Amino acid sequence: MNESTPQESASCNHTSERKSHHSEKTKQSLIHRLNRIEGQVRGVKGMIEKDTYCDDVLHQIASIQSALNGLGKQLLEHHLKSCVIERIEEGDRDVLDELMTTFNKLIK
C-alpha cells in the first residue's frame, strides 16, 4: 500500500465530503489549463460579438473541446492513480461502479 500522510488518506475517502489530494504541481497544471480554456471561451464570445465568420468560430470551439478533453484526461489519470487505487486497496469496490459512470459521461 502506498504510504500517504493522514491528510492525503482522509482526503480521498468516499464520504459526502470527498476531496481530492492533488500535489501542488498537479493543481497548478490543472489551473493553468483551465485559465487557458477560459481565455479561449472569452475569445469565442468576442468573435461572436464581432460577427466573425461561423466556420472560424466553430474551429475555435473545436479547439476548446479538445482542450477540455485534455484536462479531463489529466484529471482522470490522477484520479485513477490516487483515489481509485486507494479505495480499492481499502476494499471499496463501489469505486468501480462510480468510475464506470464517470467513463460513460466522459465518452458521450
N, C-alpha and C. Protein backbone atom coordinates (compact mmCIF):
# COMPACT_ATOMS: atom_id res chain seq x y z
N MET A 1 0.85 -1.19 0.00
CA MET A 1 0.00 0.00 0.00
C MET A 1 0.88 1.24 0.00
N ASN A 2 0.50 2.24 -0.76
CA ASN A 2 1.26 3.48 -0.79
C ASN A 2 1.18 4.17 0.55
N GLU A 3 2.32 4.73 0.94
CA GLU A 3 2.29 5.49 2.17
C GLU A 3 1.79 6.88 1.85
N SER A 4 0.93 7.38 2.69
CA SER A 4 0.41 8.72 2.49
C SER A 4 0.26 9.38 3.83
N THR A 5 0.21 10.68 3.79
CA THR A 5 0.02 11.41 5.03
C THR A 5 -1.42 11.23 5.47
N PRO A 6 -1.72 11.43 6.75
CA PRO A 6 -3.11 11.33 7.19
C PRO A 6 -4.03 12.25 6.40
N GLN A 7 -3.54 13.43 6.05
CA GLN A 7 -4.37 14.36 5.30
C GLN A 7 -4.69 13.79 3.93
N GLU A 8 -3.66 13.20 3.24
CA GLU A 8 -3.91 12.63 1.93
C GLU A 8 -4.87 11.46 2.03
N SER A 9 -4.68 10.61 3.02
CA SER A 9 -5.51 9.43 3.17
C SER A 9 -6.96 9.82 3.42
N ALA A 10 -7.16 10.78 4.27
CA ALA A 10 -8.52 11.19 4.60
C ALA A 10 -9.17 11.96 3.46
N SER A 11 -8.36 12.59 2.61
CA SER A 11 -8.93 13.46 1.60
C SER A 11 -9.56 12.71 0.43
N CYS A 12 -9.24 11.44 0.28
CA CYS A 12 -9.78 10.71 -0.87
C CYS A 12 -10.86 9.74 -0.45
N ASN A 13 -11.35 9.87 0.77
CA ASN A 13 -12.38 8.94 1.24
C ASN A 13 -13.67 9.20 0.48
N HIS A 14 -14.62 8.33 0.65
CA HIS A 14 -15.84 8.40 -0.15
C HIS A 14 -17.06 8.81 0.68
N THR A 15 -16.83 9.71 1.62
CA THR A 15 -17.95 10.26 2.37
C THR A 15 -18.54 11.41 1.57
N SER A 16 -19.56 12.04 2.12
CA SER A 16 -20.17 13.17 1.42
C SER A 16 -19.21 14.34 1.30
N GLU A 17 -18.14 14.33 2.05
CA GLU A 17 -17.15 15.40 2.00
C GLU A 17 -15.90 14.96 1.25
N ARG A 18 -16.07 14.21 0.17
CA ARG A 18 -14.92 13.74 -0.58
C ARG A 18 -14.12 14.90 -1.14
N LYS A 19 -12.82 14.76 -1.10
CA LYS A 19 -11.93 15.77 -1.65
C LYS A 19 -10.77 15.05 -2.31
N SER A 20 -10.23 15.68 -3.32
CA SER A 20 -9.05 15.11 -3.95
C SER A 20 -7.81 15.60 -3.21
N HIS A 21 -6.71 14.97 -3.51
CA HIS A 21 -5.47 15.40 -2.88
C HIS A 21 -4.39 15.54 -3.94
N HIS A 22 -4.57 16.55 -4.78
CA HIS A 22 -3.61 16.83 -5.84
C HIS A 22 -2.34 17.42 -5.23
N SER A 23 -1.21 17.08 -5.82
CA SER A 23 0.02 17.76 -5.46
C SER A 23 -0.10 19.20 -5.94
N GLU A 24 0.72 20.07 -5.42
CA GLU A 24 0.69 21.47 -5.87
C GLU A 24 1.02 21.55 -7.35
N LYS A 25 1.93 20.71 -7.82
CA LYS A 25 2.31 20.71 -9.24
C LYS A 25 1.11 20.33 -10.11
N THR A 26 0.39 19.28 -9.71
CA THR A 26 -0.79 18.85 -10.48
C THR A 26 -1.87 19.93 -10.43
N LYS A 27 -2.11 20.47 -9.26
CA LYS A 27 -3.12 21.51 -9.10
C LYS A 27 -2.81 22.72 -9.98
N GLN A 28 -1.56 23.15 -9.98
CA GLN A 28 -1.17 24.30 -10.78
C GLN A 28 -1.29 24.01 -12.27
N SER A 29 -0.98 22.77 -12.68
CA SER A 29 -1.12 22.38 -14.07
C SER A 29 -2.59 22.42 -14.50
N LEU A 30 -3.48 21.91 -13.66
CA LEU A 30 -4.92 21.94 -13.95
C LEU A 30 -5.43 23.38 -14.03
N ILE A 31 -5.03 24.19 -13.09
CA ILE A 31 -5.47 25.59 -13.06
C ILE A 31 -4.94 26.33 -14.29
N HIS A 32 -3.70 26.05 -14.68
CA HIS A 32 -3.12 26.69 -15.87
C HIS A 32 -3.93 26.33 -17.11
N ARG A 33 -4.26 25.05 -17.25
CA ARG A 33 -5.07 24.61 -18.39
C ARG A 33 -6.44 25.29 -18.37
N LEU A 34 -7.06 25.35 -17.19
CA LEU A 34 -8.37 25.99 -17.08
C LEU A 34 -8.31 27.47 -17.43
N ASN A 35 -7.25 28.13 -17.02
CA ASN A 35 -7.11 29.56 -17.35
C ASN A 35 -7.01 29.76 -18.86
N ARG A 36 -6.26 28.86 -19.55
CA ARG A 36 -6.15 28.96 -21.00
C ARG A 36 -7.51 28.71 -21.65
N ILE A 37 -8.22 27.71 -21.15
CA ILE A 37 -9.55 27.39 -21.70
C ILE A 37 -10.50 28.57 -21.48
N GLU A 38 -10.44 29.13 -20.30
CA GLU A 38 -11.29 30.28 -20.00
C GLU A 38 -11.01 31.43 -20.98
N GLY A 39 -9.74 31.65 -21.29
CA GLY A 39 -9.38 32.68 -22.25
C GLY A 39 -9.91 32.36 -23.65
N GLN A 40 -9.84 31.07 -24.02
CA GLN A 40 -10.37 30.67 -25.32
C GLN A 40 -11.88 30.91 -25.40
N VAL A 41 -12.60 30.61 -24.33
CA VAL A 41 -14.05 30.82 -24.31
C VAL A 41 -14.36 32.31 -24.44
N ARG A 42 -13.62 33.13 -23.71
CA ARG A 42 -13.82 34.58 -23.84
C ARG A 42 -13.53 35.04 -25.26
N GLY A 43 -12.52 34.43 -25.89
CA GLY A 43 -12.19 34.76 -27.27
C GLY A 43 -13.33 34.42 -28.22
N VAL A 44 -13.96 33.28 -28.02
CA VAL A 44 -15.10 32.89 -28.86
C VAL A 44 -16.25 33.86 -28.66
N LYS A 45 -16.48 34.25 -27.43
CA LYS A 45 -17.53 35.23 -27.17
C LYS A 45 -17.26 36.52 -27.94
N GLY A 46 -16.01 36.96 -27.91
CA GLY A 46 -15.64 38.15 -28.65
C GLY A 46 -15.80 37.98 -30.15
N MET A 47 -15.48 36.80 -30.64
CA MET A 47 -15.66 36.52 -32.07
C MET A 47 -17.13 36.63 -32.47
N ILE A 48 -17.99 36.09 -31.64
CA ILE A 48 -19.43 36.15 -31.93
C ILE A 48 -19.92 37.59 -31.87
N GLU A 49 -19.45 38.34 -30.88
CA GLU A 49 -19.84 39.75 -30.76
C GLU A 49 -19.40 40.56 -31.98
N LYS A 50 -18.28 40.14 -32.60
CA LYS A 50 -17.74 40.85 -33.77
C LYS A 50 -18.24 40.25 -35.08
N ASP A 51 -19.22 39.36 -34.99
CA ASP A 51 -19.78 38.72 -36.18
C ASP A 51 -18.72 38.00 -37.02
N THR A 52 -17.80 37.35 -36.36
CA THR A 52 -16.76 36.58 -37.06
C THR A 52 -17.41 35.44 -37.83
N TYR A 53 -16.84 35.11 -38.96
CA TYR A 53 -17.33 34.05 -39.83
C TYR A 53 -17.53 32.77 -39.02
N CYS A 54 -18.69 32.15 -39.19
CA CYS A 54 -19.09 30.98 -38.39
C CYS A 54 -18.05 29.87 -38.38
N ASP A 55 -17.48 29.57 -39.54
CA ASP A 55 -16.51 28.48 -39.62
C ASP A 55 -15.30 28.75 -38.72
N ASP A 56 -14.88 29.99 -38.65
CA ASP A 56 -13.75 30.35 -37.78
C ASP A 56 -14.11 30.14 -36.30
N VAL A 57 -15.33 30.51 -35.95
CA VAL A 57 -15.80 30.32 -34.57
C VAL A 57 -15.88 28.83 -34.26
N LEU A 58 -16.40 28.05 -35.19
CA LEU A 58 -16.51 26.60 -34.98
C LEU A 58 -15.15 25.95 -34.77
N HIS A 59 -14.14 26.43 -35.49
CA HIS A 59 -12.78 25.90 -35.30
C HIS A 59 -12.28 26.20 -33.88
N GLN A 60 -12.59 27.37 -33.40
CA GLN A 60 -12.18 27.72 -32.04
C GLN A 60 -12.94 26.88 -31.00
N ILE A 61 -14.20 26.62 -31.26
CA ILE A 61 -14.98 25.76 -30.35
C ILE A 61 -14.39 24.36 -30.32
N ALA A 62 -13.99 23.85 -31.48
CA ALA A 62 -13.36 22.52 -31.54
C ALA A 62 -12.06 22.52 -30.73
N SER A 63 -11.33 23.60 -30.80
CA SER A 63 -10.09 23.72 -30.03
C SER A 63 -10.37 23.71 -28.52
N ILE A 64 -11.44 24.38 -28.12
CA ILE A 64 -11.83 24.40 -26.70
C ILE A 64 -12.23 23.01 -26.25
N GLN A 65 -13.00 22.32 -27.08
CA GLN A 65 -13.42 20.96 -26.73
C GLN A 65 -12.20 20.04 -26.57
N SER A 66 -11.24 20.19 -27.44
CA SER A 66 -10.01 19.39 -27.36
C SER A 66 -9.25 19.71 -26.06
N ALA A 67 -9.19 20.98 -25.73
CA ALA A 67 -8.50 21.39 -24.50
C ALA A 67 -9.22 20.84 -23.27
N LEU A 68 -10.54 20.86 -23.28
CA LEU A 68 -11.30 20.28 -22.16
C LEU A 68 -11.09 18.78 -22.06
N ASN A 69 -11.02 18.10 -23.21
CA ASN A 69 -10.75 16.66 -23.19
C ASN A 69 -9.37 16.38 -22.60
N GLY A 70 -8.39 17.19 -22.95
CA GLY A 70 -7.05 17.03 -22.39
C GLY A 70 -7.04 17.22 -20.88
N LEU A 71 -7.77 18.22 -20.43
CA LEU A 71 -7.90 18.47 -18.99
C LEU A 71 -8.56 17.27 -18.31
N GLY A 72 -9.63 16.75 -18.92
CA GLY A 72 -10.32 15.60 -18.36
C GLY A 72 -9.42 14.38 -18.28
N LYS A 73 -8.62 14.15 -19.32
CA LYS A 73 -7.69 13.02 -19.32
C LYS A 73 -6.66 13.14 -18.20
N GLN A 74 -6.13 14.35 -18.04
CA GLN A 74 -5.14 14.57 -16.98
C GLN A 74 -5.76 14.31 -15.61
N LEU A 75 -6.94 14.83 -15.39
CA LEU A 75 -7.60 14.65 -14.10
C LEU A 75 -7.98 13.19 -13.88
N LEU A 76 -8.46 12.53 -14.92
CA LEU A 76 -8.83 11.12 -14.81
C LEU A 76 -7.61 10.27 -14.47
N GLU A 77 -6.49 10.53 -15.12
CA GLU A 77 -5.28 9.77 -14.82
C GLU A 77 -4.88 9.93 -13.35
N HIS A 78 -4.92 11.15 -12.87
CA HIS A 78 -4.57 11.39 -11.46
C HIS A 78 -5.56 10.67 -10.55
N HIS A 79 -6.83 10.73 -10.89
CA HIS A 79 -7.87 10.09 -10.08
C HIS A 79 -7.64 8.58 -10.01
N LEU A 80 -7.33 7.98 -11.16
CA LEU A 80 -7.08 6.53 -11.19
C LEU A 80 -5.87 6.16 -10.36
N LYS A 81 -4.82 6.94 -10.46
CA LYS A 81 -3.56 6.62 -9.78
C LYS A 81 -3.58 6.94 -8.29
N SER A 82 -4.58 7.65 -7.85
CA SER A 82 -4.62 8.01 -6.43
C SER A 82 -5.91 7.51 -5.78
N CYS A 83 -6.98 8.21 -5.97
CA CYS A 83 -8.23 7.92 -5.28
C CYS A 83 -8.75 6.51 -5.56
N VAL A 84 -8.78 6.11 -6.83
CA VAL A 84 -9.35 4.81 -7.17
C VAL A 84 -8.51 3.68 -6.59
N ILE A 85 -7.19 3.76 -6.78
CA ILE A 85 -6.32 2.71 -6.23
C ILE A 85 -6.46 2.65 -4.71
N GLU A 86 -6.48 3.80 -4.09
CA GLU A 86 -6.58 3.85 -2.63
C GLU A 86 -7.87 3.19 -2.15
N ARG A 87 -8.97 3.49 -2.80
CA ARG A 87 -10.26 2.92 -2.38
C ARG A 87 -10.31 1.42 -2.63
N ILE A 88 -9.75 0.96 -3.73
CA ILE A 88 -9.69 -0.49 -3.98
C ILE A 88 -8.84 -1.18 -2.92
N GLU A 89 -7.71 -0.58 -2.58
CA GLU A 89 -6.85 -1.15 -1.54
C GLU A 89 -7.56 -1.21 -0.20
N GLU A 90 -8.48 -0.29 0.02
CA GLU A 90 -9.27 -0.29 1.26
C GLU A 90 -10.44 -1.27 1.19
N GLY A 91 -10.60 -1.95 0.05
CA GLY A 91 -11.67 -2.92 -0.11
C GLY A 91 -12.97 -2.35 -0.63
N ASP A 92 -12.96 -1.09 -1.03
CA ASP A 92 -14.17 -0.43 -1.53
C ASP A 92 -14.30 -0.67 -3.02
N ARG A 93 -15.06 -1.65 -3.41
CA ARG A 93 -15.23 -1.98 -4.82
C ARG A 93 -16.33 -1.14 -5.48
N ASP A 94 -17.08 -0.38 -4.68
CA ASP A 94 -18.09 0.52 -5.25
C ASP A 94 -17.45 1.60 -6.13
N VAL A 95 -16.18 1.85 -5.89
CA VAL A 95 -15.47 2.85 -6.69
C VAL A 95 -15.46 2.45 -8.16
N LEU A 96 -15.53 1.16 -8.45
CA LEU A 96 -15.55 0.72 -9.85
C LEU A 96 -16.84 1.13 -10.54
N ASP A 97 -17.97 1.02 -9.86
CA ASP A 97 -19.24 1.49 -10.43
C ASP A 97 -19.19 3.00 -10.66
N GLU A 98 -18.66 3.71 -9.68
CA GLU A 98 -18.53 5.16 -9.80
C GLU A 98 -17.65 5.50 -10.99
N LEU A 99 -16.56 4.76 -11.16
CA LEU A 99 -15.64 5.00 -12.26
C LEU A 99 -16.30 4.73 -13.61
N MET A 100 -17.09 3.68 -13.70
CA MET A 100 -17.79 3.37 -14.95
C MET A 100 -18.79 4.47 -15.29
N THR A 101 -19.47 5.00 -14.31
CA THR A 101 -20.39 6.12 -14.54
C THR A 101 -19.62 7.32 -15.08
N THR A 102 -18.47 7.57 -14.50
CA THR A 102 -17.64 8.69 -14.95
C THR A 102 -17.16 8.46 -16.37
N PHE A 103 -16.67 7.26 -16.68
CA PHE A 103 -16.25 6.95 -18.05
C PHE A 103 -17.38 7.18 -19.04
N ASN A 104 -18.57 6.71 -18.70
CA ASN A 104 -19.71 6.87 -19.60
C ASN A 104 -20.04 8.34 -19.84
N LYS A 105 -19.88 9.16 -18.84
CA LYS A 105 -20.12 10.60 -19.02
C LYS A 105 -19.05 11.23 -19.90
N LEU A 106 -17.81 10.77 -19.73
CA LEU A 106 -16.71 11.36 -20.48
C LEU A 106 -16.74 10.99 -21.95
N ILE A 107 -17.26 9.81 -22.29
CA ILE A 107 -17.21 9.36 -23.68
C ILE A 107 -18.51 9.57 -24.43
N LYS A 108 -19.42 10.35 -23.90
CA LYS A 108 -20.69 10.63 -24.60
C LYS A 108 -20.43 11.23 -25.94
